Amino acid sequence: GFRGSLLVMAAALSLIWISSLVLLKKDLGKAKAKPKFREMLSKSRAI
């Protein structure tokens, strides 16, 4: 059923989320210099 399906998926994804909190490398992709909000728009012509 609809509600049972949602509960099963939420439980399974919660386990994935907890394992990700523990195992995924900290600060992955964090910029060395804090980007400014206006830098959201790309300055690269190719991009």
All heavy atoms as atom14 arrays in JSON, in Angstrom:
{
  "sequence": "GFRGSLLVMAAALSLIWISSLVLLKKDLGKAKAKPKFREMLSKSRAI",
  "atom14_mask": [
    [1, 1, 1, 1, 0, 0, 0, 0, 0, 0, 0, 0, 0, 0],
    [1, 1, 1, 1, 1, 1, 1, 1, 1, 1, 1, 0, 0, 0],
    [1, 1, 1, 1, 1, 1, 1, 1, 1, 1, 1, 0, 0, 0],
    [1, 1, 1, 1, 0, 0, 0, 0, 0, 0, 0, 0, 0, 0],
    [1, 1, 1, 1, 1, 1, 0, 0, 0, 0, 0, 0, 0, 0],
    [1, 1, 1, 1, 1, 1, 1, 1, 0, 0, 0, 0, 0, 0],
    [1, 1, 1, 1, 1, 1, 1, 1, 0, 0, 0, 0, 0, 0],
    [1, 1, 1, 1, 1, 1, 1, 0, 0, 0, 0, 0, 0, 0],
    [1, 1, 1, 1, 1, 1, 1, 1, 0, 0, 0, 0, 0, 0],
    [1, 1, 1, 1, 1, 0, 0, 0, 0, 0, 0, 0, 0, 0],
    [1, 1, 1, 1, 1, 0, 0, 0, 0, 0, 0, 0, 0, 0],
    [1, 1, 1, 1, 1, 0, 0, 0, 0, 0, 0, 0, 0, 0],
    [1, 1, 1, 1, 1, 1, 1, 1, 0, 0, 0, 0, 0, 0],
    [1, 1, 1, 1, 1, 1, 0, 0, 0, 0, 0, 0, 0, 0],
    [1, 1, 1, 1, 1, 1, 1, 1, 0, 0, 0, 0, 0, 0],
    [1, 1, 1, 1, 1, 1, 1, 1, 0, 0, 0, 0, 0, 0],
    [1, 1, 1, 1, 1, 1, 1, 1, 1, 1, 1, 1, 1, 1],
    [1, 1, 1, 1, 1, 1, 1, 1, 0, 0, 0, 0, 0, 0],
    [1, 1, 1, 1, 1, 1, 0, 0, 0, 0, 0, 0, 0, 0],
    [1, 1, 1, 1, 1, 1, 0, 0, 0, 0, 0, 0, 0, 0],
    [1, 1, 1, 1, 1, 1, 1, 1, 0, 0, 0, 0, 0, 0],
    [1, 1, 1, 1, 1, 1, 1, 0, 0, 0, 0, 0, 0, 0],
    [1, 1, 1, 1, 1, 1, 1, 1, 0, 0, 0, 0, 0, 0],
    [1, 1, 1, 1, 1, 1, 1, 1, 0, 0, 0, 0, 0, 0],
    [1, 1, 1, 1, 1, 1, 1, 1, 1, 0, 0, 0, 0, 0],
    [1, 1, 1, 1, 1, 1, 1, 1, 1, 0, 0, 0, 0, 0],
    [1, 1, 1, 1, 1, 1, 1, 1, 0, 0, 0, 0, 0, 0],
    [1, 1, 1, 1, 1, 1, 1, 1, 0, 0, 0, 0, 0, 0],
    [1, 1, 1, 1, 0, 0, 0, 0, 0, 0, 0, 0, 0, 0],
    [1, 1, 1, 1, 1, 1, 1, 1, 1, 0, 0, 0, 0, 0],
    [1, 1, 1, 1, 1, 0, 0, 0, 0, 0, 0, 0, 0, 0],
    [1, 1, 1, 1, 1, 1, 1, 1, 1, 0, 0, 0, 0, 0],
    [1, 1, 1, 1, 1, 0, 0, 0, 0, 0, 0, 0, 0, 0],
    [1, 1, 1, 1, 1, 1, 1, 1, 1, 0, 0, 0, 0, 0],
    [1, 1, 1, 1, 1, 1, 1, 0, 0, 0, 0, 0, 0, 0],
    [1, 1, 1, 1, 1, 1, 1, 1, 1, 0, 0, 0, 0, 0],
    [1, 1, 1, 1, 1, 1, 1, 1, 1, 1, 1, 0, 0, 0],
    [1, 1, 1, 1, 1, 1, 1, 1, 1, 1, 1, 0, 0, 0],
    [1, 1, 1, 1, 1, 1, 1, 1, 1, 0, 0, 0, 0, 0],
    [1, 1, 1, 1, 1, 1, 1, 1, 0, 0, 0, 0, 0, 0],
    [1, 1, 1, 1, 1, 1, 1, 1, 0, 0, 0, 0, 0, 0],
    [1, 1, 1, 1, 1, 1, 0, 0, 0, 0, 0, 0, 0, 0],
    [1, 1, 1, 1, 1, 1, 1, 1, 1, 0, 0, 0, 0, 0],
    [1, 1, 1, 1, 1, 1, 0, 0, 0, 0, 0, 0, 0, 0],
    [1, 1, 1, 1, 1, 1, 1, 1, 1, 1, 1, 0, 0, 0],
    [1, 1, 1, 1, 1, 0, 0, 0, 0, 0, 0, 0, 0, 0],
    [1, 1, 1, 1, 1, 1, 1, 1, 0, 0, 0, 0, 0, 0]
  ],
  "atom14_positions": [
    [[0.8, -1.22, 0.0], [0.0, 0.0, 0.0], [0.83, 1.27, 0.0], [2.06, 1.24, 0.13], [0.0, 0.0, 0.0], [0.0, 0.0, 0.0], [0.0, 0.0, 0.0], [0.0, 0.0, 0.0], [0.0, 0.0, 0.0], [0.0, 0.0, 0.0], [0.0, 0.0, 0.0], [0.0, 0.0, 0.0], [0.0, 0.0, 0.0], [0.0, 0.0, 0.0]],
    [[0.14, 2.41, -0.12], [0.8, 3.7, -0.28], [1.6, 4.09, 0.98], [2.8, 4.35, 0.91], [-0.26, 4.77, -0.59], [0.29, 6.15, -0.85], [1.04, 6.41, -1.98], [0.04, 7.2, 0.04], [1.54, 7.68, -2.24], [0.54, 8.47, -0.21], [1.28, 8.71, -1.35], [0.0, 0.0, 0.0], [0.0, 0.0, 0.0], [0.0, 0.0, 0.0]],
    [[0.94, 4.06, 2.14], [1.61, 4.5, 3.36], [2.73, 3.53, 3.76], [3.83, 3.96, 4.15], [0.59, 4.61, 4.5], [1.13, 5.27, 5.75], [0.01, 5.64, 6.71], [0.54, 6.35, 7.87], [0.98, 5.76, 8.98], [0.96, 4.43, 9.06], [1.45, 6.47, 9.98], [0.0, 0.0, 0.0], [0.0, 0.0, 0.0], [0.0, 0.0, 0.0]],
    [[2.48, 2.24, 3.63], [3.5, 1.24, 3.96], [4.74, 1.38, 3.08], [5.88, 1.28, 3.57], [0.0, 0.0, 0.0], [0.0, 0.0, 0.0], [0.0, 0.0, 0.0], [0.0, 0.0, 0.0], [0.0, 0.0, 0.0], [0.0, 0.0, 0.0], [0.0, 0.0, 0.0], [0.0, 0.0, 0.0], [0.0, 0.0, 0.0], [0.0, 0.0, 0.0]],
    [[4.53, 1.66, 1.79], [5.65, 1.85, 0.86], [6.52, 3.03, 1.28], [7.75, 2.95, 1.27], [5.12, 2.09, -0.56], [4.31, 1.03, -0.99], [0.0, 0.0, 0.0], [0.0, 0.0, 0.0], [0.0, 0.0, 0.0], [0.0, 0.0, 0.0], [0.0, 0.0, 0.0], [0.0, 0.0, 0.0], [0.0, 0.0, 0.0], [0.0, 0.0, 0.0]],
    [[5.87, 4.12, 1.64], [6.6, 5.32, 2.04], [7.4, 5.08, 3.32], [8.55, 5.53, 3.43], [5.62, 6.48, 2.24], [4.94, 6.98, 0.95], [3.74, 7.85, 1.29], [5.93, 7.76, 0.08], [0.0, 0.0, 0.0], [0.0, 0.0, 0.0], [0.0, 0.0, 0.0], [0.0, 0.0, 0.0], [0.0, 0.0, 0.0], [0.0, 0.0, 0.0]],
    [[6.81, 4.37, 4.27], [7.5, 4.09, 5.54], [8.73, 3.2, 5.31], [9.79, 3.43, 5.9], [6.54, 3.44, 6.54], [5.46, 4.36, 7.13], [4.43, 3.54, 7.9], [6.09, 5.42, 8.04], [0.0, 0.0, 0.0], [0.0, 0.0, 0.0], [0.0, 0.0, 0.0], [0.0, 0.0, 0.0], [0.0, 0.0, 0.0], [0.0, 0.0, 0.0]],
    [[8.59, 2.18, 4.47], [9.72, 1.28, 4.16], [10.85, 2.07, 3.5], [12.03, 1.93, 3.88], [9.26, 0.12, 3.25], [10.45, -0.61, 2.64], [8.4, -0.87, 4.05], [0.0, 0.0, 0.0], [0.0, 0.0, 0.0], [0.0, 0.0, 0.0], [0.0, 0.0, 0.0], [0.0, 0.0, 0.0], [0.0, 0.0, 0.0], [0.0, 0.0, 0.0]],
    [[10.52, 2.9, 2.53], [11.55, 3.68, 1.83], [12.21, 4.69, 2.76], [13.43, 4.89, 2.72], [10.95, 4.38, 0.61], [10.57, 3.42, -0.5], [10.33, 4.24, -2.1], [9.02, 5.39, -1.72], [0.0, 0.0, 0.0], [0.0, 0.0, 0.0], [0.0, 0.0, 0.0], [0.0, 0.0, 0.0], [0.0, 0.0, 0.0], [0.0, 0.0, 0.0]],
    [[11.41, 5.34, 3.61], [11.97, 6.31, 4.56], [12.93, 5.64, 5.54], [14.0, 6.17, 5.85], [10.85, 7.02, 5.31], [0.0, 0.0, 0.0], [0.0, 0.0, 0.0], [0.0, 0.0, 0.0], [0.0, 0.0, 0.0], [0.0, 0.0, 0.0], [0.0, 0.0, 0.0], [0.0, 0.0, 0.0], [0.0, 0.0, 0.0], [0.0, 0.0, 0.0]],
    [[12.57, 4.44, 6.0], [13.43, 3.7, 6.94], [14.75, 3.3, 6.27], [15.83, 3.47, 6.84], [12.7, 2.46, 7.45], [0.0, 0.0, 0.0], [0.0, 0.0, 0.0], [0.0, 0.0, 0.0], [0.0, 0.0, 0.0], [0.0, 0.0, 0.0], [0.0, 0.0, 0.0], [0.0, 0.0, 0.0], [0.0, 0.0, 0.0], [0.0, 0.0, 0.0]],
    [[14.66, 2.79, 5.03], [15.87, 2.36, 4.31], [16.79, 3.55, 4.03], [18.01, 3.47, 4.22], [15.48, 1.67, 3.01], [0.0, 0.0, 0.0], [0.0, 0.0, 0.0], [0.0, 0.0, 0.0], [0.0, 0.0, 0.0], [0.0, 0.0, 0.0], [0.0, 0.0, 0.0], [0.0, 0.0, 0.0], [0.0, 0.0, 0.0], [0.0, 0.0, 0.0]],
    [[16.19, 4.67, 3.6], [17.01, 5.84, 3.29], [17.61, 6.46, 4.55], [18.72, 7.02, 4.5], [16.16, 6.88, 2.54], [16.93, 7.9, 1.69], [17.77, 7.21, 0.63], [15.97, 8.9, 1.05], [0.0, 0.0, 0.0], [0.0, 0.0, 0.0], [0.0, 0.0, 0.0], [0.0, 0.0, 0.0], [0.0, 0.0, 0.0], [0.0, 0.0, 0.0]],
    [[16.92, 6.33, 5.68], [17.47, 6.82, 6.96], [18.75, 6.07, 7.31], [19.71, 6.68, 7.8], [16.44, 6.65, 8.08], [15.32, 7.45, 7.85], [0.0, 0.0, 0.0], [0.0, 0.0, 0.0], [0.0, 0.0, 0.0], [0.0, 0.0, 0.0], [0.0, 0.0, 0.0], [0.0, 0.0, 0.0], [0.0, 0.0, 0.0], [0.0, 0.0, 0.0]],
    [[18.77, 4.76, 7.07], [19.99, 3.97, 7.34], [21.14, 4.42, 6.44], [22.29, 4.54, 6.89], [19.71, 2.48, 7.12], [18.74, 1.82, 8.12], [18.46, 0.37, 7.72], [19.31, 1.87, 9.54], [0.0, 0.0, 0.0], [0.0, 0.0, 0.0], [0.0, 0.0, 0.0], [0.0, 0.0, 0.0], [0.0, 0.0, 0.0], [0.0, 0.0, 0.0]],
    [[20.84, 4.7, 5.16], [21.86, 5.2, 4.23], [22.38, 6.55, 4.72], [23.59, 6.82, 4.69], [21.28, 5.34, 2.8], [20.81, 3.98, 2.26], [22.29, 5.98, 1.86], [21.91, 3.0, 1.96], [0.0, 0.0, 0.0], [0.0, 0.0, 0.0], [0.0, 0.0, 0.0], [0.0, 0.0, 0.0], [0.0, 0.0, 0.0], [0.0, 0.0, 0.0]],
    [[21.47, 7.39, 5.16], [21.84, 8.73, 5.64], [22.78, 8.64, 6.85], [23.8, 9.33, 6.9], [20.57, 9.5, 5.99], [20.8, 10.82, 6.65], [21.47, 11.9, 6.13], [20.36, 11.21, 7.96], [21.47, 12.94, 7.04], [20.8, 12.54, 8.16], [19.62, 10.58, 8.96], [20.53, 13.24, 9.35], [19.36, 11.27, 10.13], [19.81, 12.58, 10.31]],
    [[22.46, 7.76, 7.8], [23.29, 7.61, 9.0], [24.68, 7.1, 8.63], [25.7, 7.61, 9.12], [22.6, 6.66, 10.02], [21.34, 7.32, 10.59], [23.56, 6.29, 11.15], [20.42, 6.37, 11.32], [0.0, 0.0, 0.0], [0.0, 0.0, 0.0], [0.0, 0.0, 0.0], [0.0, 0.0, 0.0], [0.0, 0.0, 0.0], [0.0, 0.0, 0.0]],
    [[24.74, 6.11, 7.72], [26.05, 5.59, 7.31], [26.85, 6.66, 6.57], [28.08, 6.75, 6.7], [25.89, 4.34, 6.44], [25.28, 4.67, 5.2], [0.0, 0.0, 0.0], [0.0, 0.0, 0.0], [0.0, 0.0, 0.0], [0.0, 0.0, 0.0], [0.0, 0.0, 0.0], [0.0, 0.0, 0.0], [0.0, 0.0, 0.0], [0.0, 0.0, 0.0]],
    [[26.17, 7.52, 5.8], [26.84, 8.59, 5.08], [27.41, 9.63, 6.04], [28.51, 10.15, 5.85], [25.86, 9.25, 4.11], [26.47, 10.31, 3.41], [0.0, 0.0, 0.0], [0.0, 0.0, 0.0], [0.0, 0.0, 0.0], [0.0, 0.0, 0.0], [0.0, 0.0, 0.0], [0.0, 0.0, 0.0], [0.0, 0.0, 0.0], [0.0, 0.0, 0.0]],
    [[26.66, 9.94, 7.1], [27.15, 10.88, 8.11], [28.46, 10.4, 8.73], [29.36, 11.18, 9.01], [26.1, 11.05, 9.22], [24.87, 11.9, 8.91], [23.85, 11.79, 10.05], [25.24, 13.35, 8.67], [0.0, 0.0, 0.0], [0.0, 0.0, 0.0], [0.0, 0.0, 0.0], [0.0, 0.0, 0.0], [0.0, 0.0, 0.0], [0.0, 0.0, 0.0]],
    [[28.57, 9.08, 8.9], [29.75, 8.5, 9.56], [30.92, 8.34, 8.59], [32.08, 8.64, 8.94], [29.39, 7.12, 10.18], [30.63, 6.44, 10.75], [28.33, 7.29, 11.26], [0.0, 0.0, 0.0], [0.0, 0.0, 0.0], [0.0, 0.0, 0.0], [0.0, 0.0, 0.0], [0.0, 0.0, 0.0], [0.0, 0.0, 0.0], [0.0, 0.0, 0.0]],
    [[30.63, 7.89, 7.35], [31.7, 7.43, 6.46], [32.17, 8.45, 5.42], [33.31, 8.37, 4.96], [31.24, 6.17, 5.72], [30.94, 4.94, 6.6], [30.3, 3.84, 5.77], [32.21, 4.44, 7.26], [0.0, 0.0, 0.0], [0.0, 0.0, 0.0], [0.0, 0.0, 0.0], [0.0, 0.0, 0.0], [0.0, 0.0, 0.0], [0.0, 0.0, 0.0]],
    [[31.31, 9.41, 5.04], [31.69, 10.31, 3.96], [32.72, 11.33, 4.45], [32.58, 11.9, 5.54], [30.46, 11.03, 3.39], [30.59, 11.63, 2.0], [30.96, 10.57, 0.97], [29.27, 12.29, 1.59], [0.0, 0.0, 0.0], [0.0, 0.0, 0.0], [0.0, 0.0, 0.0], [0.0, 0.0, 0.0], [0.0, 0.0, 0.0], [0.0, 0.0, 0.0]],
    [[33.74, 11.54, 3.64], [34.87, 12.41, 4.0], [34.39, 13.8, 4.37], [33.58, 14.41, 3.67], [35.84, 12.49, 2.81], [37.08, 13.32, 3.07], [37.95, 13.34, 1.82], [39.12, 14.29, 1.98], [39.9, 14.38, 0.72], [0.0, 0.0, 0.0], [0.0, 0.0, 0.0], [0.0, 0.0, 0.0], [0.0, 0.0, 0.0], [0.0, 0.0, 0.0]],
    [[34.9, 14.31, 5.48], [34.52, 15.64, 5.96], [35.13, 16.73, 5.06], [36.24, 16.61, 4.56], [35.01, 15.85, 7.39], [34.55, 14.79, 8.37], [33.03, 14.79, 8.54], [32.56, 13.8, 9.59], [32.6, 12.41, 9.12], [0.0, 0.0, 0.0], [0.0, 0.0, 0.0], [0.0, 0.0, 0.0], [0.0, 0.0, 0.0], [0.0, 0.0, 0.0]],
    [[34.35, 17.8, 4.87], [34.79, 18.99, 4.12], [35.13, 18.69, 2.66], [35.89, 19.43, 2.03], [36.01, 19.64, 4.8], [35.66, 20.19, 6.18], [34.48, 20.52, 6.39], [36.56, 20.25, 7.04], [0.0, 0.0, 0.0], [0.0, 0.0, 0.0], [0.0, 0.0, 0.0], [0.0, 0.0, 0.0], [0.0, 0.0, 0.0], [0.0, 0.0, 0.0]],
    [[34.57, 17.63, 2.09], [34.78, 17.32, 0.67], [34.21, 18.45, -0.18], [33.03, 18.79, -0.06], [34.08, 16.0, 0.33], [34.24, 15.46, -1.08], [35.68, 15.04, -1.34], [33.3, 14.27, -1.31], [0.0, 0.0, 0.0], [0.0, 0.0, 0.0], [0.0, 0.0, 0.0], [0.0, 0.0, 0.0], [0.0, 0.0, 0.0], [0.0, 0.0, 0.0]],
    [[35.05, 19.06, -1.03], [34.58, 20.11, -1.94], [34.45, 21.47, -1.33], [33.99, 22.41, -1.98], [0.0, 0.0, 0.0], [0.0, 0.0, 0.0], [0.0, 0.0, 0.0], [0.0, 0.0, 0.0], [0.0, 0.0, 0.0], [0.0, 0.0, 0.0], [0.0, 0.0, 0.0], [0.0, 0.0, 0.0], [0.0, 0.0, 0.0], [0.0, 0.0, 0.0]],
    [[34.86, 21.65, -0.08], [34.78, 22.96, 0.57], [35.85, 23.88, -0.02], [37.03, 23.52, -0.05], [34.99, 22.78, 2.08], [34.54, 23.96, 2.91], [34.6, 23.57, 4.38], [34.15, 24.71, 5.27], [34.19, 24.32, 6.69], [0.0, 0.0, 0.0], [0.0, 0.0, 0.0], [0.0, 0.0, 0.0], [0.0, 0.0, 0.0], [0.0, 0.0, 0.0]],
    [[35.45, 25.04, -0.5], [36.4, 25.95, -1.13], [37.37, 26.51, -0.09], [37.0, 26.77, 1.06], [35.65, 27.09, -1.81], [0.0, 0.0, 0.0], [0.0, 0.0, 0.0], [0.0, 0.0, 0.0], [0.0, 0.0, 0.0], [0.0, 0.0, 0.0], [0.0, 0.0, 0.0], [0.0, 0.0, 0.0], [0.0, 0.0, 0.0], [0.0, 0.0, 0.0]],
    [[38.63, 26.68, -0.52], [39.64, 27.23, 0.39], [39.29, 28.67, 0.77], [39.44, 29.08, 1.91], [41.02, 27.17, -0.27], [41.52, 25.74, -0.49], [42.91, 25.75, -1.15], [43.42, 24.33, -1.34], [42.65, 23.62, -2.39], [0.0, 0.0, 0.0], [0.0, 0.0, 0.0], [0.0, 0.0, 0.0], [0.0, 0.0, 0.0], [0.0, 0.0, 0.0]],
    [[38.84, 29.45, -0.22], [38.38, 30.81, 0.05], [36.86, 30.8, 0.04], [36.25, 30.27, -0.88], [38.91, 31.75, -1.03], [0.0, 0.0, 0.0], [0.0, 0.0, 0.0], [0.0, 0.0, 0.0], [0.0, 0.0, 0.0], [0.0, 0.0, 0.0], [0.0, 0.0, 0.0], [0.0, 0.0, 0.0], [0.0, 0.0, 0.0], [0.0, 0.0, 0.0]],
    [[36.25, 31.37, 1.08], [34.78, 31.37, 1.16], [34.2, 32.15, -0.02], [34.47, 33.34, -0.19], [34.33, 32.03, 2.47], [34.69, 31.24, 3.72], [33.83, 30.01, 3.86], [34.11, 29.28, 5.18], [33.41, 28.01, 5.24], [0.0, 0.0, 0.0], [0.0, 0.0, 0.0], [0.0, 0.0, 0.0], [0.0, 0.0, 0.0], [0.0, 0.0, 0.0]],
    [[33.4, 31.49, -0.86], [32.85, 32.2, -2.02], [31.79, 33.21, -1.61], [31.06, 32.99, -0.63], [32.22, 31.07, -2.85], [31.89, 30.01, -1.86], [32.95, 30.09, -0.8], [0.0, 0.0, 0.0], [0.0, 0.0, 0.0], [0.0, 0.0, 0.0], [0.0, 0.0, 0.0], [0.0, 0.0, 0.0], [0.0, 0.0, 0.0], [0.0, 0.0, 0.0]],
    [[31.71, 34.32, -2.35], [30.67, 35.32, -2.1], [29.4, 34.88, -2.84], [29.44, 34.17, -3.82], [31.12, 36.69, -2.58], [32.34, 37.22, -1.81], [32.76, 38.58, -2.32], [33.87, 39.17, -1.47], [35.09, 38.37, -1.49], [0.0, 0.0, 0.0], [0.0, 0.0, 0.0], [0.0, 0.0, 0.0], [0.0, 0.0, 0.0], [0.0, 0.0, 0.0]],
    [[28.26, 35.38, -2.34], [26.97, 34.97, -2.9], [26.87, 35.3, -4.38], [26.32, 34.55, -5.16], [25.84, 35.65, -2.12], [24.49, 35.05, -2.4], [24.16, 33.79, -1.92], [23.54, 35.74, -3.14], [22.91, 33.23, -2.16], [22.29, 35.18, -3.39], [21.98, 33.93, -2.9], [0.0, 0.0, 0.0], [0.0, 0.0, 0.0], [0.0, 0.0, 0.0]],
    [[27.46, 36.45, -4.78], [27.37, 36.85, -6.19], [28.19, 35.94, -7.12], [28.04, 35.99, -8.34], [27.82, 38.3, -6.36], [29.27, 38.57, -6.05], [29.65, 40.02, -6.37], [31.03, 40.32, -6.04], [31.46, 40.75, -4.87], [30.57, 40.94, -3.89], [32.73, 41.01, -4.65], [0.0, 0.0, 0.0], [0.0, 0.0, 0.0], [0.0, 0.0, 0.0]],
    [[29.06, 35.1, -6.54], [29.89, 34.21, -7.34], [29.15, 32.95, -7.78], [29.73, 32.06, -8.4], [31.15, 33.82, -6.56], [32.12, 34.98, -6.38], [33.3, 34.62, -5.49], [33.39, 33.45, -5.05], [34.12, 35.51, -5.22], [0.0, 0.0, 0.0], [0.0, 0.0, 0.0], [0.0, 0.0, 0.0], [0.0, 0.0, 0.0], [0.0, 0.0, 0.0]],
    [[27.84, 32.87, -7.47], [27.04, 31.71, -7.91], [26.99, 31.63, -9.44], [26.91, 30.55, -10.01], [25.61, 31.8, -7.37], [25.5, 31.54, -5.89], [23.79, 31.36, -5.38], [23.1, 32.94, -5.81], [0.0, 0.0, 0.0], [0.0, 0.0, 0.0], [0.0, 0.0, 0.0], [0.0, 0.0, 0.0], [0.0, 0.0, 0.0], [0.0, 0.0, 0.0]],
    [[27.02, 32.79, -10.11], [26.99, 32.81, -11.57], [28.41, 32.55, -12.09], [29.36, 33.19, -11.64], [26.46, 34.15, -12.08], [25.04, 34.51, -11.62], [24.65, 35.88, -12.14], [24.02, 33.46, -12.05], [0.0, 0.0, 0.0], [0.0, 0.0, 0.0], [0.0, 0.0, 0.0], [0.0, 0.0, 0.0], [0.0, 0.0, 0.0], [0.0, 0.0, 0.0]],
    [[28.53, 31.64, -13.02], [29.85, 31.21, -13.48], [30.56, 32.33, -14.26], [29.95, 33.04, -15.06], [29.72, 29.98, -14.38], [30.99, 29.58, -14.82], [0.0, 0.0, 0.0], [0.0, 0.0, 0.0], [0.0, 0.0, 0.0], [0.0, 0.0, 0.0], [0.0, 0.0, 0.0], [0.0, 0.0, 0.0], [0.0, 0.0, 0.0], [0.0, 0.0, 0.0]],
    [[31.86, 32.45, -14.01], [32.69, 33.4, -14.75], [33.4, 32.74, -15.93], [34.06, 33.4, -16.71], [33.75, 34.0, -13.81], [33.17, 34.8, -12.65], [34.27, 35.24, -11.7], [33.69, 35.93, -10.49], [34.72, 36.22, -9.47], [0.0, 0.0, 0.0], [0.0, 0.0, 0.0], [0.0, 0.0, 0.0], [0.0, 0.0, 0.0], [0.0, 0.0, 0.0]],
    [[33.27, 31.42, -16.04], [33.95, 30.68, -17.1], [33.14, 30.69, -18.39], [31.97, 30.29, -18.4], [34.18, 29.23, -16.65], [34.48, 28.4, -17.75], [0.0, 0.0, 0.0], [0.0, 0.0, 0.0], [0.0, 0.0, 0.0], [0.0, 0.0, 0.0], [0.0, 0.0, 0.0], [0.0, 0.0, 0.0], [0.0, 0.0, 0.0], [0.0, 0.0, 0.0]],
    [[33.76, 31.14, -19.49], [33.07, 31.18, -20.77], [32.66, 29.77, -21.21], [31.54, 29.55, -21.69], [33.96, 31.81, -21.83], [33.31, 31.89, -23.22], [34.23, 32.59, -24.22], [33.59, 32.66, -25.52], [33.65, 31.69, -26.44], [34.3, 30.57, -26.16], [33.05, 31.84, -27.61], [0.0, 0.0, 0.0], [0.0, 0.0, 0.0], [0.0, 0.0, 0.0]],
    [[33.57, 28.8, -21.03], [33.28, 27.42, -21.45], [32.06, 26.87, -20.72], [31.2, 26.22, -21.31], [34.49, 26.53, -21.2], [0.0, 0.0, 0.0], [0.0, 0.0, 0.0], [0.0, 0.0, 0.0], [0.0, 0.0, 0.0], [0.0, 0.0, 0.0], [0.0, 0.0, 0.0], [0.0, 0.0, 0.0], [0.0, 0.0, 0.0], [0.0, 0.0, 0.0]],
    [[31.97, 27.15, -19.42], [30.85, 26.64, -18.62], [29.56, 27.35, -19.0], [28.49, 26.74, -19.08], [31.15, 26.77, -17.11], [32.23, 25.74, -16.73], [29.9, 26.56, -16.26], [32.79, 25.88, -15.35], [0.0, 0.0, 0.0], [0.0, 0.0, 0.0], [0.0, 0.0, 0.0], [0.0, 0.0, 0.0], [0.0, 0.0, 0.0], [0.0, 0.0, 0.0]]
  ]
}
